[in-house]
Amino acid sequence: MATGFWQKWPIDTAYAHRQTEVRMTYDDKNIYIGVIAYDTSYHVIQTLRRDSRFFDNDAITIIMDPVNQRTNGFMFQVNAYNVQSEDLIFSSTEDFNLSWDNKWFSKTKLYASYWAVEIAIPFKTLRYQEGKKTRGHPVFPLRCKTK
Protein backbone atom coordinates (compact mmCIF):
# COMPACT_ATOMS: atom_id res chain seq x y z
CA MET A 1 0.00 0.00 0.00
CA ALA A 2 1.29 3.45 -0.90
CA THR A 3 0.65 6.26 1.61
CA GLY A 4 2.32 9.42 2.88
CA PHE A 5 1.64 11.62 -0.15
CA TRP A 6 2.66 15.26 -0.39
CA GLN A 7 0.59 18.27 -1.30
CA LYS A 8 0.79 19.50 -4.86
CA TRP A 9 -1.16 22.73 -4.42
CA PRO A 10 -1.01 25.38 -3.00
CA ILE A 11 2.50 24.36 -1.89
CA ASP A 12 4.45 21.18 -2.57
CA THR A 13 6.61 21.09 0.56
CA ALA A 14 4.21 19.55 3.08
CA TYR A 15 2.30 16.33 3.59
CA ALA A 16 -1.27 16.29 2.35
CA HIS A 17 -3.81 17.37 4.95
CA ARG A 18 -6.02 14.41 4.09
CA GLN A 19 -4.25 11.17 3.39
CA THR A 20 -4.77 8.76 0.54
CA GLU A 21 -4.12 5.02 0.31
CA VAL A 22 -3.32 3.39 -3.04
CA ARG A 23 -3.13 -0.28 -3.90
CA MET A 24 -2.23 -1.70 -7.28
CA THR A 25 -2.19 -5.08 -9.02
CA TYR A 26 -2.56 -6.52 -12.51
CA ASP A 27 -3.51 -9.56 -14.54
CA ASP A 28 -2.91 -10.43 -18.19
CA LYS A 29 -5.41 -7.82 -19.46
CA ASN A 30 -5.60 -4.90 -17.02
CA ILE A 31 -3.82 -2.90 -14.41
CA TYR A 32 -6.02 -2.40 -11.33
CA ILE A 33 -5.80 0.54 -8.95
CA GLY A 34 -7.71 0.95 -5.71
CA VAL A 35 -7.73 4.27 -3.90
CA ILE A 36 -9.16 5.37 -0.57
CA ALA A 37 -9.27 9.16 -0.32
CA TYR A 38 -9.89 10.28 3.27
CA ASP A 39 -12.14 13.27 3.27
CA THR A 40 -15.28 14.79 4.70
CA SER A 41 -18.76 13.93 3.46
CA TYR A 42 -18.76 17.20 1.49
CA HIS A 43 -17.24 17.02 -2.02
CA VAL A 44 -16.47 19.82 -4.46
CA ILE A 45 -17.68 18.82 -7.93
CA GLN A 46 -17.90 21.64 -10.47
CA THR A 47 -19.53 19.61 -13.25
CA LEU A 48 -20.66 16.08 -14.07
CA ARG A 49 -19.50 16.48 -17.67
CA ARG A 50 -16.82 14.02 -18.81
CA ASP A 51 -13.38 15.48 -19.66
CA SER A 52 -14.18 18.83 -18.08
CA ARG A 53 -12.60 21.01 -15.34
CA PHE A 54 -10.98 18.21 -13.38
CA PHE A 55 -8.57 20.36 -11.44
CA ASP A 56 -11.59 22.13 -9.93
CA ASN A 57 -12.97 18.90 -8.42
CA ASP A 58 -12.28 16.49 -5.61
CA ALA A 59 -10.60 13.90 -7.79
CA ILE A 60 -7.81 11.37 -8.15
CA THR A 61 -5.34 11.60 -11.03
CA ILE A 62 -3.12 8.72 -12.08
CA ILE A 63 -0.19 9.58 -14.37
CA MET A 64 1.69 6.78 -16.13
CA ASP A 65 4.78 6.57 -18.32
CA PRO A 66 4.54 3.03 -19.73
CA VAL A 67 7.62 3.33 -21.98
CA ASN A 68 9.82 4.67 -19.14
CA GLN A 69 11.32 7.49 -21.21
CA ARG A 70 9.99 10.44 -19.21
CA THR A 71 8.85 12.17 -22.36
CA ASN A 72 5.14 11.39 -22.69
CA GLY A 73 2.51 9.89 -20.47
CA PHE A 74 -1.09 9.01 -19.90
CA MET A 75 -3.29 10.76 -17.36
CA PHE A 76 -6.44 9.18 -15.94
CA GLN A 77 -8.72 11.19 -13.66
CA VAL A 78 -11.86 10.28 -11.77
CA ASN A 79 -13.80 12.43 -9.34
CA ALA A 80 -15.76 11.39 -6.27
CA TYR A 81 -18.92 10.96 -8.39
CA ASN A 82 -17.16 8.68 -10.91
CA VAL A 83 -16.87 11.21 -13.73
CA GLN A 84 -13.82 10.32 -15.85
CA SER A 85 -11.26 12.11 -17.94
CA GLU A 86 -8.18 10.85 -19.74
CA ASP A 87 -5.48 12.83 -21.51
CA LEU A 88 -2.06 12.49 -23.11
CA ILE A 89 0.83 14.42 -21.55
CA PHE A 90 3.80 15.77 -23.52
CA SER A 91 6.80 16.76 -21.42
CA SER A 92 8.50 18.64 -24.24
CA THR A 93 5.69 21.19 -24.30
CA GLU A 94 4.24 20.64 -20.80
CA ASP A 95 0.88 20.36 -22.52
CA PHE A 96 -2.07 17.96 -22.61
CA ASN A 97 -3.94 16.37 -25.49
CA LEU A 98 -7.46 16.69 -24.15
CA SER A 99 -9.03 14.98 -27.17
CA TRP A 100 -7.42 11.59 -26.46
CA ASP A 101 -10.17 9.13 -25.52
CA ASN A 102 -9.69 5.49 -24.62
CA LYS A 103 -11.55 2.80 -22.76
CA TRP A 104 -10.95 2.27 -19.07
CA PHE A 105 -13.23 1.57 -16.16
CA SER A 106 -13.86 3.04 -12.73
CA LYS A 107 -16.36 2.89 -9.93
CA THR A 108 -16.57 5.10 -6.87
CA LYS A 109 -18.39 4.86 -3.56
CA LEU A 110 -18.92 7.61 -1.00
CA TYR A 111 -18.62 7.01 2.76
CA ALA A 112 -18.90 9.31 5.77
CA SER A 113 -15.16 9.96 6.15
CA TYR A 114 -13.70 8.90 2.78
CA TRP A 115 -14.47 7.97 -0.78
CA ALA A 116 -13.13 4.97 -2.63
CA VAL A 117 -12.43 4.29 -6.29
CA GLU A 118 -11.56 1.12 -8.16
CA ILE A 119 -9.94 1.56 -11.58
CA ALA A 120 -9.19 -0.96 -14.35
CA ILE A 121 -7.01 0.21 -17.25
CA PRO A 122 -6.58 -2.26 -20.12
CA PHE A 123 -2.96 -2.80 -21.14
CA LYS A 124 -3.93 -2.17 -24.76
CA THR A 125 -4.82 1.39 -23.73
CA LEU A 126 -1.24 1.88 -22.49
CA ARG A 127 0.86 1.75 -25.63
CA TYR A 128 4.28 0.25 -25.02
CA GLN A 129 6.89 -1.50 -27.12
CA GLU A 130 6.36 -5.23 -27.68
CA GLY A 131 8.85 -7.36 -25.76
CA LYS A 132 10.12 -4.54 -23.58
CA LYS A 133 10.96 -5.96 -20.15
CA THR A 134 11.01 -2.70 -18.18
CA ARG A 135 7.99 -0.44 -18.07
CA GLY A 136 7.54 2.97 -16.53
CA HIS A 137 6.24 3.49 -13.06
CA PRO A 138 2.94 5.16 -12.27
CA VAL A 139 2.95 8.31 -10.22
CA PHE A 140 0.28 8.14 -7.50
CA PRO A 141 -1.87 10.17 -7.03
CA LEU A 142 -2.31 13.80 -7.74
CA ARG A 143 -5.30 14.47 -5.57
CA CYS A 144 -7.19 17.55 -6.62
CA LYS A 145 -8.73 19.40 -3.72
CA THR A 146 -10.28 22.84 -4.00
CA LYS A 147 -11.48 23.50 -0.47
C-alpha atoms as a PDB file:
ATOM      1  CA  MET A   1       0.000   0.000   0.000  1.00  0.00           C
ATOM      2  CA  ALA A   2       1.292   3.449  -0.899  1.00  0.00           C
ATOM      3  CA  THR A   3       0.652   6.257   1.612  1.00  0.00           C
ATOM      4  CA  GLY A   4       2.321   9.425   2.879  1.00  0.00           C
ATOM      5  CA  PHE A   5       1.637  11.619  -0.147  1.00  0.00           C
ATOM      6  CA  TRP A   6       2.659  15.257  -0.385  1.00  0.00           C
ATOM      7  CA  GLN A   7       0.589  18.265  -1.297  1.00  0.00           C
ATOM      8  CA  LYS A   8       0.788  19.503  -4.863  1.00  0.00           C
ATOM      9  CA  TRP A   9      -1.159  22.726  -4.423  1.00  0.00           C
ATOM     10  CA  PRO A  10      -1.006  25.379  -3.001  1.00  0.00           C
ATOM     11  CA  ILE A  11       2.500  24.356  -1.885  1.00  0.00           C
ATOM     12  CA  ASP A  12       4.448  21.184  -2.572  1.00  0.00           C
ATOM     13  CA  THR A  13       6.611  21.093   0.558  1.00  0.00           C
ATOM     14  CA  ALA A  14       4.207  19.555   3.079  1.00  0.00           C
ATOM     15  CA  TYR A  15       2.305  16.329   3.588  1.00  0.00           C
ATOM     16  CA  ALA A  16      -1.266  16.290   2.345  1.00  0.00           C
ATOM     17  CA  HIS A  17      -3.814  17.371   4.947  1.00  0.00           C
ATOM     18  CA  ARG A  18      -6.023  14.406   4.092  1.00  0.00           C
ATOM     19  CA  GLN A  19      -4.248  11.172   3.391  1.00  0.00           C
ATOM     20  CA  THR A  20      -4.769   8.759   0.539  1.00  0.00           C
ATOM     21  CA  GLU A  21      -4.121   5.019   0.313  1.00  0.00           C
ATOM     22  CA  VAL A  22      -3.316   3.389  -3.037  1.00  0.00           C
ATOM     23  CA  ARG A  23      -3.128  -0.279  -3.903  1.00  0.00           C
ATOM     24  CA  MET A  24      -2.235  -1.704  -7.285  1.00  0.00           C
ATOM     25  CA  THR A  25      -2.187  -5.084  -9.024  1.00  0.00           C
ATOM     26  CA  TYR A  26      -2.563  -6.521 -12.515  1.00  0.00           C
ATOM     27  CA  ASP A  27      -3.511  -9.563 -14.542  1.00  0.00           C
ATOM     28  CA  ASP A  28      -2.907 -10.433 -18.192  1.00  0.00           C
ATOM     29  CA  LYS A  29      -5.413  -7.819 -19.463  1.00  0.00           C
ATOM     30  CA  ASN A  30      -5.604  -4.904 -17.020  1.00  0.00           C
ATOM     31  CA  ILE A  31      -3.818  -2.898 -14.408  1.00  0.00           C
ATOM     32  CA  TYR A  32      -6.025  -2.396 -11.326  1.00  0.00           C
ATOM     33  CA  ILE A  33      -5.798   0.536  -8.950  1.00  0.00           C
ATOM     34  CA  GLY A  34      -7.706   0.948  -5.706  1.00  0.00           C
ATOM     35  CA  VAL A  35      -7.734   4.273  -3.895  1.00  0.00           C
ATOM     36  CA  ILE A  36      -9.156   5.366  -0.567  1.00  0.00           C
ATOM     37  CA  ALA A  37      -9.273   9.156  -0.320  1.00  0.00           C
ATOM     38  CA  TYR A  38      -9.890  10.278   3.267  1.00  0.00           C
ATOM     39  CA  ASP A  39     -12.144  13.271   3.266  1.00  0.00           C
ATOM     40  CA  THR A  40     -15.282  14.794   4.704  1.00  0.00           C
ATOM     41  CA  SER A  41     -18.756  13.934   3.461  1.00  0.00           C
ATOM     42  CA  TYR A  42     -18.759  17.202   1.485  1.00  0.00           C
ATOM     43  CA  HIS A  43     -17.236  17.017  -2.020  1.00  0.00           C
ATOM     44  CA  VAL A  44     -16.471  19.823  -4.460  1.00  0.00           C
ATOM     45  CA  ILE A  45     -17.683  18.821  -7.929  1.00  0.00           C
ATOM     46  CA  GLN A  46     -17.895  21.637 -10.474  1.00  0.00           C
ATOM     47  CA  THR A  47     -19.533  19.608 -13.250  1.00  0.00           C
ATOM     48  CA  LEU A  48     -20.658  16.084 -14.066  1.00  0.00           C
ATOM     49  CA  ARG A  49     -19.496  16.476 -17.674  1.00  0.00           C
ATOM     50  CA  ARG A  50     -16.824  14.022 -18.809  1.00  0.00           C
ATOM     51  CA  ASP A  51     -13.378  15.481 -19.664  1.00  0.00           C
ATOM     52  CA  SER A  52     -14.179  18.834 -18.079  1.00  0.00           C
ATOM     53  CA  ARG A  53     -12.598  21.008 -15.344  1.00  0.00           C
ATOM     54  CA  PHE A  54     -10.978  18.213 -13.381  1.00  0.00           C
ATOM     55  CA  PHE A  55      -8.565  20.365 -11.442  1.00  0.00           C
ATOM     56  CA  ASP A  56     -11.587  22.135  -9.925  1.00  0.00           C
ATOM     57  CA  ASN A  57     -12.969  18.904  -8.417  1.00  0.00           C
ATOM     58  CA  ASP A  58     -12.284  16.493  -5.606  1.00  0.00           C
ATOM     59  CA  ALA A  59     -10.599  13.898  -7.792  1.00  0.00           C
ATOM     60  CA  ILE A  60      -7.810  11.370  -8.149  1.00  0.00           C
ATOM     61  CA  THR A  61      -5.344  11.604 -11.027  1.00  0.00           C
ATOM     62  CA  ILE A  62      -3.116   8.717 -12.082  1.00  0.00           C
ATOM     63  CA  ILE A  63      -0.187   9.576 -14.373  1.00  0.00           C
ATOM     64  CA  MET A  64       1.689   6.777 -16.128  1.00  0.00           C
ATOM     65  CA  ASP A  65       4.784   6.574 -18.318  1.00  0.00           C
ATOM     66  CA  PRO A  66       4.543   3.033 -19.729  1.00  0.00           C
ATOM     67  CA  VAL A  67       7.622   3.331 -21.979  1.00  0.00           C
ATOM     68  CA  ASN A  68       9.817   4.667 -19.140  1.00  0.00           C
ATOM     69  CA  GLN A  69      11.316   7.491 -21.215  1.00  0.00           C
ATOM     70  CA  ARG A  70       9.987  10.439 -19.207  1.00  0.00           C
ATOM     71  CA  THR A  71       8.851  12.170 -22.361  1.00  0.00           C
ATOM     72  CA  ASN A  72       5.136  11.389 -22.688  1.00  0.00           C
ATOM     73  CA  GLY A  73       2.513   9.888 -20.469  1.00  0.00           C
ATOM     74  CA  PHE A  74      -1.090   9.009 -19.896  1.00  0.00           C
ATOM     75  CA  MET A  75      -3.289  10.759 -17.364  1.00  0.00           C
ATOM     76  CA  PHE A  76      -6.443   9.183 -15.943  1.00  0.00           C
ATOM     77  CA  GLN A  77      -8.718  11.185 -13.662  1.00  0.00           C
ATOM     78  CA  VAL A  78     -11.865  10.280 -11.773  1.00  0.00           C
ATOM     79  CA  ASN A  79     -13.804  12.434  -9.345  1.00  0.00           C
ATOM     80  CA  ALA A  80     -15.763  11.395  -6.266  1.00  0.00           C
ATOM     81  CA  TYR A  81     -18.921  10.955  -8.388  1.00  0.00           C
ATOM     82  CA  ASN A  82     -17.160   8.677 -10.909  1.00  0.00           C
ATOM     83  CA  VAL A  83     -16.871  11.213 -13.734  1.00  0.00           C
ATOM     84  CA  GLN A  84     -13.823  10.319 -15.850  1.00  0.00           C
ATOM     85  CA  SER A  85     -11.256  12.112 -17.942  1.00  0.00           C
ATOM     86  CA  GLU A  86      -8.175  10.846 -19.742  1.00  0.00           C
ATOM     87  CA  ASP A  87      -5.478  12.829 -21.506  1.00  0.00           C
ATOM     88  CA  LEU A  88      -2.058  12.491 -23.106  1.00  0.00           C
ATOM     89  CA  ILE A  89       0.829  14.423 -21.548  1.00  0.00           C
ATOM     90  CA  PHE A  90       3.796  15.765 -23.517  1.00  0.00           C
ATOM     91  CA  SER A  91       6.801  16.761 -21.416  1.00  0.00           C
ATOM     92  CA  SER A  92       8.501  18.642 -24.239  1.00  0.00           C
ATOM     93  CA  THR A  93       5.687  21.188 -24.297  1.00  0.00           C
ATOM     94  CA  GLU A  94       4.244  20.639 -20.803  1.00  0.00           C
ATOM     95  CA  ASP A  95       0.882  20.360 -22.521  1.00  0.00           C
ATOM     96  CA  PHE A  96      -2.068  17.959 -22.612  1.00  0.00           C
ATOM     97  CA  ASN A  97      -3.937  16.375 -25.495  1.00  0.00           C
ATOM     98  CA  LEU A  98      -7.460  16.688 -24.148  1.00  0.00           C
ATOM     99  CA  SER A  99      -9.029  14.983 -27.169  1.00  0.00           C
ATOM    100  CA  TRP A 100      -7.421  11.589 -26.463  1.00  0.00           C
ATOM    101  CA  ASP A 101     -10.171   9.133 -25.522  1.00  0.00           C
ATOM    102  CA  ASN A 102      -9.690   5.488 -24.623  1.00  0.00           C
ATOM    103  CA  LYS A 103     -11.552   2.796 -22.762  1.00  0.00           C
ATOM    104  CA  TRP A 104     -10.947   2.272 -19.072  1.00  0.00           C
ATOM    105  CA  PHE A 105     -13.227   1.567 -16.159  1.00  0.00           C
ATOM    106  CA  SER A 106     -13.859   3.044 -12.735  1.00  0.00           C
ATOM    107  CA  LYS A 107     -16.358   2.888  -9.926  1.00  0.00           C
ATOM    108  CA  THR A 108     -16.573   5.102  -6.869  1.00  0.00           C
ATOM    109  CA  LYS A 109     -18.393   4.860  -3.560  1.00  0.00           C
ATOM    110  CA  LEU A 110     -18.925   7.606  -0.998  1.00  0.00           C
ATOM    111  CA  TYR A 111     -18.619   7.007   2.756  1.00  0.00           C
ATOM    112  CA  ALA A 112     -18.904   9.307   5.771  1.00  0.00           C
ATOM    113  CA  SER A 113     -15.155   9.964   6.152  1.00  0.00           C
ATOM    114  CA  TYR A 114     -13.701   8.900   2.780  1.00  0.00           C
ATOM    115  CA  TRP A 115     -14.468   7.971  -0.781  1.00  0.00           C
ATOM    116  CA  ALA A 116     -13.128   4.970  -2.630  1.00  0.00           C
ATOM    117  CA  VAL A 117     -12.431   4.294  -6.292  1.00  0.00           C
ATOM    118  CA  GLU A 118     -11.555   1.124  -8.162  1.00  0.00           C
ATOM    119  CA  ILE A 119      -9.941   1.556 -11.580  1.00  0.00           C
ATOM    120  CA  ALA A 120      -9.187  -0.958 -14.346  1.00  0.00           C
ATOM    121  CA  ILE A 121      -7.008   0.212 -17.251  1.00  0.00           C
ATOM    122  CA  PRO A 122      -6.581  -2.260 -20.119  1.00  0.00           C
ATOM    123  CA  PHE A 123      -2.956  -2.796 -21.137  1.00  0.00           C
ATOM    124  CA  LYS A 124      -3.929  -2.166 -24.765  1.00  0.00           C
ATOM    125  CA  THR A 125      -4.821   1.393 -23.731  1.00  0.00           C
ATOM    126  CA  LEU A 126      -1.237   1.875 -22.490  1.00  0.00           C
ATOM    127  CA  ARG A 127       0.857   1.749 -25.628  1.00  0.00           C
ATOM    128  CA  TYR A 128       4.277   0.251 -25.024  1.00  0.00           C
ATOM    129  CA  GLN A 129       6.887  -1.499 -27.116  1.00  0.00           C
ATOM    130  CA  GLU A 130       6.356  -5.230 -27.676  1.00  0.00           C
ATOM    131  CA  GLY A 131       8.853  -7.364 -25.756  1.00  0.00           C
ATOM    132  CA  LYS A 132      10.121  -4.538 -23.575  1.00  0.00           C
ATOM    133  CA  LYS A 133      10.965  -5.958 -20.148  1.00  0.00           C
ATOM    134  CA  THR A 134      11.008  -2.698 -18.181  1.00  0.00           C
ATOM    135  CA  ARG A 135       7.990  -0.445 -18.070  1.00  0.00           C
ATOM    136  CA  GLY A 136       7.540   2.967 -16.535  1.00  0.00           C
ATOM    137  CA  HIS A 137       6.235   3.490 -13.064  1.00  0.00           C
ATOM    138  CA  PRO A 138       2.939   5.161 -12.267  1.00  0.00           C
ATOM    139  CA  VAL A 139       2.950   8.309 -10.218  1.00  0.00           C
ATOM    140  CA  PHE A 140       0.284   8.142  -7.501  1.00  0.00           C
ATOM    141  CA  PRO A 141      -1.872  10.167  -7.029  1.00  0.00           C
ATOM    142  CA  LEU A 142      -2.308  13.803  -7.739  1.00  0.00           C
ATOM    143  CA  ARG A 143      -5.296  14.475  -5.571  1.00  0.00           C
ATOM    144  CA  CYS A 144      -7.193  17.553  -6.621  1.00  0.00           C
ATOM    145  CA  LYS A 145      -8.727  19.403  -3.722  1.00  0.00           C
ATOM    146  CA  THR A 146     -10.285  22.842  -3.998  1.00  0.00           C
ATOM    147  CA  LYS A 147     -11.476  23.501  -0.472  1.00  0.00           C
END
